[in-house]
Amino acid sequence: MVEVASVVGSTAVLQALDKGDGAMRIADISWYRLRSRFSFVRALGLLHDPVVMGHLLGEVSADRMFTAQSYPAASRLAHPSDDRLARL
C-alpha cells in the first residue's frame, strides 16, 4: 500500500512516509514535472475526488492521508522508471 499525503507546490508532487513495514512508499515523485497540478490529477483520474481537489484549492489540511489502495492509478505510477506522465 502506498500512502499519499498531499498534492502541493507549483508542480504536482506526491509525498508519502516510509514507516519501515516493507510496503512500497513514495518519497517524492517530483520527476514527473507535469505542466500543472490539474494535469497531474487528471492523469491519475482523480479530478473529481473532493479530497484531492481540496488539496489543490488549499481547503484540506496537508496532512490528510488517503491510500493508493483506493486509487489504483497512483500505485501504478509509483516507480520513477514509469515515465507515462512525464510525456504529458
C-alpha atoms as a PDB file:
ATOM      1  CA  MET A   1       0.000   0.000   0.000  1.00  0.00           C
ATOM      2  CA  VAL A   2       1.261   3.467  -0.849  1.00  0.00           C
ATOM      3  CA  GLU A   3       0.169   6.324   1.385  1.00  0.00           C
ATOM      4  CA  VAL A   4      -0.213   9.577  -0.485  1.00  0.00           C
ATOM      5  CA  ALA A   5      -0.035  12.686   1.666  1.00  0.00           C
ATOM      6  CA  SER A   6      -0.744  15.709  -0.485  1.00  0.00           C
ATOM      7  CA  VAL A   7      -0.645  17.474  -3.799  1.00  0.00           C
ATOM      8  CA  VAL A   8       1.362  20.636  -3.212  1.00  0.00           C
ATOM      9  CA  GLY A   9       3.541  23.297  -4.808  1.00  0.00           C
ATOM     10  CA  SER A  10       3.643  24.737  -8.303  1.00  0.00           C
ATOM     11  CA  THR A  11       4.402  21.276  -9.696  1.00  0.00           C
ATOM     12  CA  ALA A  12       2.263  18.369  -8.587  1.00  0.00           C
ATOM     13  CA  VAL A  13       4.124  16.239  -6.045  1.00  0.00           C
ATOM     14  CA  LEU A  14       3.042  13.080  -4.252  1.00  0.00           C
ATOM     15  CA  GLN A  15       4.590  12.638  -0.846  1.00  0.00           C
ATOM     16  CA  ALA A  16       4.433   9.643   1.441  1.00  0.00           C
ATOM     17  CA  LEU A  17       6.104   8.317   4.543  1.00  0.00           C
ATOM     18  CA  ASP A  18       8.212   5.172   4.812  1.00  0.00           C
ATOM     19  CA  LYS A  19       7.055   3.546   8.026  1.00  0.00           C
ATOM     20  CA  GLY A  20       9.523   0.678   7.694  1.00  0.00           C
ATOM     21  CA  ASP A  21       6.892  -2.030   7.264  1.00  0.00           C
ATOM     22  CA  GLY A  22       8.173  -3.205   3.883  1.00  0.00           C
ATOM     23  CA  ALA A  23       5.343  -1.647   1.897  1.00  0.00           C
ATOM     24  CA  MET A  24       6.309   0.349  -1.160  1.00  0.00           C
ATOM     25  CA  ARG A  25       6.409   4.056  -0.351  1.00  0.00           C
ATOM     26  CA  ILE A  26       6.847   7.144  -2.443  1.00  0.00           C
ATOM     27  CA  ALA A  27       9.183   9.775  -1.003  1.00  0.00           C
ATOM     28  CA  ASP A  28       8.841  12.424  -3.678  1.00  0.00           C
ATOM     29  CA  ILE A  29       7.560  11.974  -7.218  1.00  0.00           C
ATOM     30  CA  SER A  30       8.976  15.281  -8.422  1.00  0.00           C
ATOM     31  CA  TRP A  31      10.405  13.643 -11.571  1.00  0.00           C
ATOM     32  CA  TYR A  32       7.001  13.781 -13.252  1.00  0.00           C
ATOM     33  CA  ARG A  33       7.216  17.604 -13.512  1.00  0.00           C
ATOM     34  CA  LEU A  34       3.839  17.967 -15.110  1.00  0.00           C
ATOM     35  CA  ARG A  35       2.598  21.164 -16.697  1.00  0.00           C
ATOM     36  CA  SER A  36       0.235  21.839 -13.825  1.00  0.00           C
ATOM     37  CA  ARG A  37      -1.256  20.311 -10.708  1.00  0.00           C
ATOM     38  CA  PHE A  38      -4.515  19.798 -12.568  1.00  0.00           C
ATOM     39  CA  SER A  39      -2.786  17.840 -15.349  1.00  0.00           C
ATOM     40  CA  PHE A  40      -1.345  15.555 -12.688  1.00  0.00           C
ATOM     41  CA  VAL A  41      -4.683  14.981 -11.004  1.00  0.00           C
ATOM     42  CA  ARG A  42      -6.389  14.420 -14.350  1.00  0.00           C
ATOM     43  CA  ALA A  43      -3.718  11.859 -15.296  1.00  0.00           C
ATOM     44  CA  LEU A  44      -4.413   9.938 -12.080  1.00  0.00           C
ATOM     45  CA  GLY A  45      -8.135  10.049 -12.771  1.00  0.00           C
ATOM     46  CA  LEU A  46      -8.785  11.951  -9.531  1.00  0.00           C
ATOM     47  CA  LEU A  47     -10.068  15.233 -10.977  1.00  0.00           C
ATOM     48  CA  HIS A  48     -13.455  14.797  -9.292  1.00  0.00           C
ATOM     49  CA  ASP A  49     -12.141  13.479  -5.972  1.00  0.00           C
ATOM     50  CA  PRO A  50     -13.118  16.025  -3.290  1.00  0.00           C
ATOM     51  CA  VAL A  51     -10.090  15.367  -1.067  1.00  0.00           C
ATOM     52  CA  VAL A  52      -7.636  15.815  -3.932  1.00  0.00           C
ATOM     53  CA  MET A  53      -9.423  18.890  -5.231  1.00  0.00           C
ATOM     54  CA  GLY A  54      -9.459  20.233  -1.701  1.00  0.00           C
ATOM     55  CA  HIS A  55      -5.678  19.941  -1.627  1.00  0.00           C
ATOM     56  CA  LEU A  56      -5.433  21.765  -4.916  1.00  0.00           C
ATOM     57  CA  LEU A  57      -7.665  24.522  -3.668  1.00  0.00           C
ATOM     58  CA  GLY A  58      -5.965  24.742  -0.295  1.00  0.00           C
ATOM     59  CA  GLU A  59      -9.135  23.751   1.546  1.00  0.00           C
ATOM     60  CA  VAL A  60      -7.926  20.465   3.029  1.00  0.00           C
ATOM     61  CA  SER A  61      -5.165  20.072   5.595  1.00  0.00           C
ATOM     62  CA  ALA A  62      -1.873  18.971   4.042  1.00  0.00           C
ATOM     63  CA  ASP A  63      -1.606  16.055   6.452  1.00  0.00           C
ATOM     64  CA  ARG A  64      -4.859  14.416   5.296  1.00  0.00           C
ATOM     65  CA  MET A  65      -3.911  10.901   4.205  1.00  0.00           C
ATOM     66  CA  PHE A  66      -5.505   8.596   1.676  1.00  0.00           C
ATOM     67  CA  THR A  67      -4.243   5.305   0.292  1.00  0.00           C
ATOM     68  CA  ALA A  68      -3.394   4.185  -3.213  1.00  0.00           C
ATOM     69  CA  GLN A  69      -5.351   1.037  -2.457  1.00  0.00           C
ATOM     70  CA  SER A  70      -8.394   3.221  -3.023  1.00  0.00           C
ATOM     71  CA  TYR A  71      -6.731   4.865  -6.023  1.00  0.00           C
ATOM     72  CA  PRO A  72      -5.114   2.106  -8.149  1.00  0.00           C
ATOM     73  CA  ALA A  73      -3.778   4.605 -10.714  1.00  0.00           C
ATOM     74  CA  ALA A  74      -1.485   6.098  -8.065  1.00  0.00           C
ATOM     75  CA  SER A  75       0.112   2.758  -7.197  1.00  0.00           C
ATOM     76  CA  ARG A  76       0.799   2.031 -10.872  1.00  0.00           C
ATOM     77  CA  LEU A  77       2.796   5.275 -11.072  1.00  0.00           C
ATOM     78  CA  ALA A  78       4.913   4.609  -8.006  1.00  0.00           C
ATOM     79  CA  HIS A  79       8.175   3.782  -9.777  1.00  0.00           C
ATOM     80  CA  PRO A  80      10.384   6.554 -11.240  1.00  0.00           C
ATOM     81  CA  SER A  81      11.096   4.484 -14.365  1.00  0.00           C
ATOM     82  CA  ASP A  82       7.405   4.777 -15.254  1.00  0.00           C
ATOM     83  CA  ASP A  83       7.511   7.895 -17.431  1.00  0.00           C
ATOM     84  CA  ARG A  84       3.973   7.826 -18.816  1.00  0.00           C
ATOM     85  CA  LEU A  85       3.064  11.044 -17.015  1.00  0.00           C
ATOM     86  CA  ALA A  86       6.341  12.775 -17.890  1.00  0.00           C
ATOM     87  CA  ARG A  87       5.240  12.877 -21.519  1.00  0.00           C
ATOM     88  CA  LEU A  88       2.093  14.926 -20.796  1.00  0.00           C
END
